Amino acid sequence: MQYGSPRIDEIRYNAADECFEALVTLNTIEGAMRIASVYFAPLTAEFEEVSNGLLQNALRNRTAPEALRSRAPATPPRRHLPHCMPFAA
C-alpha cells in the first residue's frame, strides 16, 4: 500500500545499456522505501514517458526479491511541548 506521492531522484542516462536510471522513493505505512529503477529507452525519449516508466518499474520491483531497495522506518509523530512551562510557587 502506498501513501503520499512518489519521488524520483536525479534521472541519469546509461549510454552503455541504453536506459534511464533513478532512485524512486515510495512512501508506505512502514516508512519510505527507495528502489533502484531502470527504464530502457533512447536518449531522445520524452521526460513524461521516462518518469512514468521509472515509476512503473519501481512499483513492479517493490516486492521482487532480487530488486535493489532500502527502507527507512516510519517516524512517530512529534509531540509538541508548550512554549512556556508553569513555575512552581
C-alpha atoms as a PDB file:
ATOM      1  CA  MET A   1       0.000   0.000   0.000  1.00  0.00           C
ATOM      2  CA  GLN A   2       1.314   3.420  -0.905  1.00  0.00           C
ATOM      3  CA  TYR A   3       0.817   6.736   0.918  1.00  0.00           C
ATOM      4  CA  GLY A   4       1.765  10.167  -0.374  1.00  0.00           C
ATOM      5  CA  SER A   5       3.263  10.866  -3.741  1.00  0.00           C
ATOM      6  CA  PRO A   6       6.344   9.041  -5.016  1.00  0.00           C
ATOM      7  CA  ARG A   7       9.569  10.944  -5.631  1.00  0.00           C
ATOM      8  CA  ILE A   8      12.030  10.291  -8.433  1.00  0.00           C
ATOM      9  CA  ASP A   9      15.573  11.392  -7.659  1.00  0.00           C
ATOM     10  CA  GLU A  10      18.034  12.589 -10.296  1.00  0.00           C
ATOM     11  CA  ILE A  11      17.498  10.734 -13.576  1.00  0.00           C
ATOM     12  CA  ARG A  12      20.659   9.582 -15.365  1.00  0.00           C
ATOM     13  CA  TYR A  13      21.092   8.096 -18.820  1.00  0.00           C
ATOM     14  CA  ASN A  14      23.273   4.984 -19.031  1.00  0.00           C
ATOM     15  CA  ALA A  15      24.595   5.045 -22.608  1.00  0.00           C
ATOM     16  CA  ALA A  16      26.234   1.612 -22.333  1.00  0.00           C
ATOM     17  CA  ASP A  17      22.898  -0.077 -21.536  1.00  0.00           C
ATOM     18  CA  GLU A  18      20.732   2.499 -23.376  1.00  0.00           C
ATOM     19  CA  CYS A  19      18.480   3.113 -20.397  1.00  0.00           C
ATOM     20  CA  PHE A  20      17.476   5.714 -17.849  1.00  0.00           C
ATOM     21  CA  GLU A  21      18.210   5.071 -14.161  1.00  0.00           C
ATOM     22  CA  ALA A  22      16.997   6.698 -10.942  1.00  0.00           C
ATOM     23  CA  LEU A  23      16.155   6.029  -7.322  1.00  0.00           C
ATOM     24  CA  VAL A  24      12.412   6.160  -6.705  1.00  0.00           C
ATOM     25  CA  THR A  25      11.081   6.794  -3.189  1.00  0.00           C
ATOM     26  CA  LEU A  26       7.696   5.313  -2.313  1.00  0.00           C
ATOM     27  CA  ASN A  27       6.067   6.368   0.959  1.00  0.00           C
ATOM     28  CA  THR A  28       4.390   3.424   2.653  1.00  0.00           C
ATOM     29  CA  ILE A  29       2.825   2.889   6.063  1.00  0.00           C
ATOM     30  CA  GLU A  30       6.048   1.126   7.136  1.00  0.00           C
ATOM     31  CA  GLY A  31       8.161   4.112   6.061  1.00  0.00           C
ATOM     32  CA  ALA A  32       9.964   5.352   2.960  1.00  0.00           C
ATOM     33  CA  MET A  33      11.144   2.705   0.508  1.00  0.00           C
ATOM     34  CA  ARG A  34      13.854   3.620  -2.030  1.00  0.00           C
ATOM     35  CA  ILE A  35      14.030   1.404  -5.098  1.00  0.00           C
ATOM     36  CA  ALA A  36      16.639   1.418  -7.856  1.00  0.00           C
ATOM     37  CA  SER A  37      14.693   1.759 -11.094  1.00  0.00           C
ATOM     38  CA  VAL A  38      15.586   1.421 -14.767  1.00  0.00           C
ATOM     39  CA  TYR A  39      13.677   2.276 -17.959  1.00  0.00           C
ATOM     40  CA  PHE A  40      15.011   1.187 -21.348  1.00  0.00           C
ATOM     41  CA  ALA A  41      14.505   3.938 -23.925  1.00  0.00           C
ATOM     42  CA  PRO A  42      16.565   6.029 -26.337  1.00  0.00           C
ATOM     43  CA  LEU A  43      18.122   9.284 -25.161  1.00  0.00           C
ATOM     44  CA  THR A  44      15.518  11.184 -27.199  1.00  0.00           C
ATOM     45  CA  ALA A  45      12.576   9.832 -25.127  1.00  0.00           C
ATOM     46  CA  GLU A  46      10.160  12.373 -23.638  1.00  0.00           C
ATOM     47  CA  PHE A  47      10.545  13.220 -19.941  1.00  0.00           C
ATOM     48  CA  GLU A  48       6.979  12.165 -19.071  1.00  0.00           C
ATOM     49  CA  GLU A  49       7.457   8.775 -20.734  1.00  0.00           C
ATOM     50  CA  VAL A  50      10.747   8.227 -18.878  1.00  0.00           C
ATOM     51  CA  SER A  51       9.420   9.296 -15.469  1.00  0.00           C
ATOM     52  CA  ASN A  52       6.292   7.129 -15.863  1.00  0.00           C
ATOM     53  CA  GLY A  53       8.457   4.176 -16.942  1.00  0.00           C
ATOM     54  CA  LEU A  54      10.774   4.596 -13.938  1.00  0.00           C
ATOM     55  CA  LEU A  55       7.815   4.803 -11.557  1.00  0.00           C
ATOM     56  CA  GLN A  56       6.115   1.733 -13.044  1.00  0.00           C
ATOM     57  CA  ASN A  57       9.383  -0.229 -12.826  1.00  0.00           C
ATOM     58  CA  ALA A  58       9.774   0.759  -9.157  1.00  0.00           C
ATOM     59  CA  LEU A  59       6.193  -0.266  -8.370  1.00  0.00           C
ATOM     60  CA  ARG A  60       6.749  -3.667 -10.006  1.00  0.00           C
ATOM     61  CA  ASN A  61      10.027  -4.175  -8.116  1.00  0.00           C
ATOM     62  CA  ARG A  62       8.877  -3.111  -4.649  1.00  0.00           C
ATOM     63  CA  THR A  63       8.273  -6.750  -3.680  1.00  0.00           C
ATOM     64  CA  ALA A  64      10.677  -8.515  -6.064  1.00  0.00           C
ATOM     65  CA  PRO A  65      13.288 -10.461  -4.063  1.00  0.00           C
ATOM     66  CA  GLU A  66      16.123  -9.557  -6.494  1.00  0.00           C
ATOM     67  CA  ALA A  67      15.345  -5.796  -6.560  1.00  0.00           C
ATOM     68  CA  LEU A  68      17.796  -3.329  -5.031  1.00  0.00           C
ATOM     69  CA  ARG A  69      15.925  -1.333  -2.378  1.00  0.00           C
ATOM     70  CA  SER A  70      16.211   0.135   1.097  1.00  0.00           C
ATOM     71  CA  ARG A  71      13.674   1.102   3.719  1.00  0.00           C
ATOM     72  CA  ALA A  72      13.675   3.872   6.315  1.00  0.00           C
ATOM     73  CA  PRO A  73      11.324   3.192   9.235  1.00  0.00           C
ATOM     74  CA  ALA A  74       8.326   5.455   9.698  1.00  0.00           C
ATOM     75  CA  THR A  75       8.933   8.102  12.333  1.00  0.00           C
ATOM     76  CA  PRO A  76       6.341   8.526  15.068  1.00  0.00           C
ATOM     77  CA  PRO A  77       4.582  11.900  15.155  1.00  0.00           C
ATOM     78  CA  ARG A  78       6.397  14.560  17.188  1.00  0.00           C
ATOM     79  CA  ARG A  79       4.951  15.618  20.479  1.00  0.00           C
ATOM     80  CA  HIS A  80       4.844  19.364  20.872  1.00  0.00           C
ATOM     81  CA  LEU A  81       5.831  20.793  24.226  1.00  0.00           C
ATOM     82  CA  PRO A  82       4.250  24.010  25.482  1.00  0.00           C
ATOM     83  CA  HIS A  83       6.346  27.113  24.797  1.00  0.00           C
ATOM     84  CA  CYS A  84       6.405  28.106  28.438  1.00  0.00           C
ATOM     85  CA  MET A  85       6.390  25.838  31.420  1.00  0.00           C
ATOM     86  CA  PRO A  86       4.497  26.950  34.557  1.00  0.00           C
ATOM     87  CA  PHE A  87       6.719  27.822  37.513  1.00  0.00           C
ATOM     88  CA  ALA A  88       6.214  26.218  40.903  1.00  0.00           C
ATOM     89  CA  ALA A  89       5.398  28.720  43.583  1.00  0.00           C
END
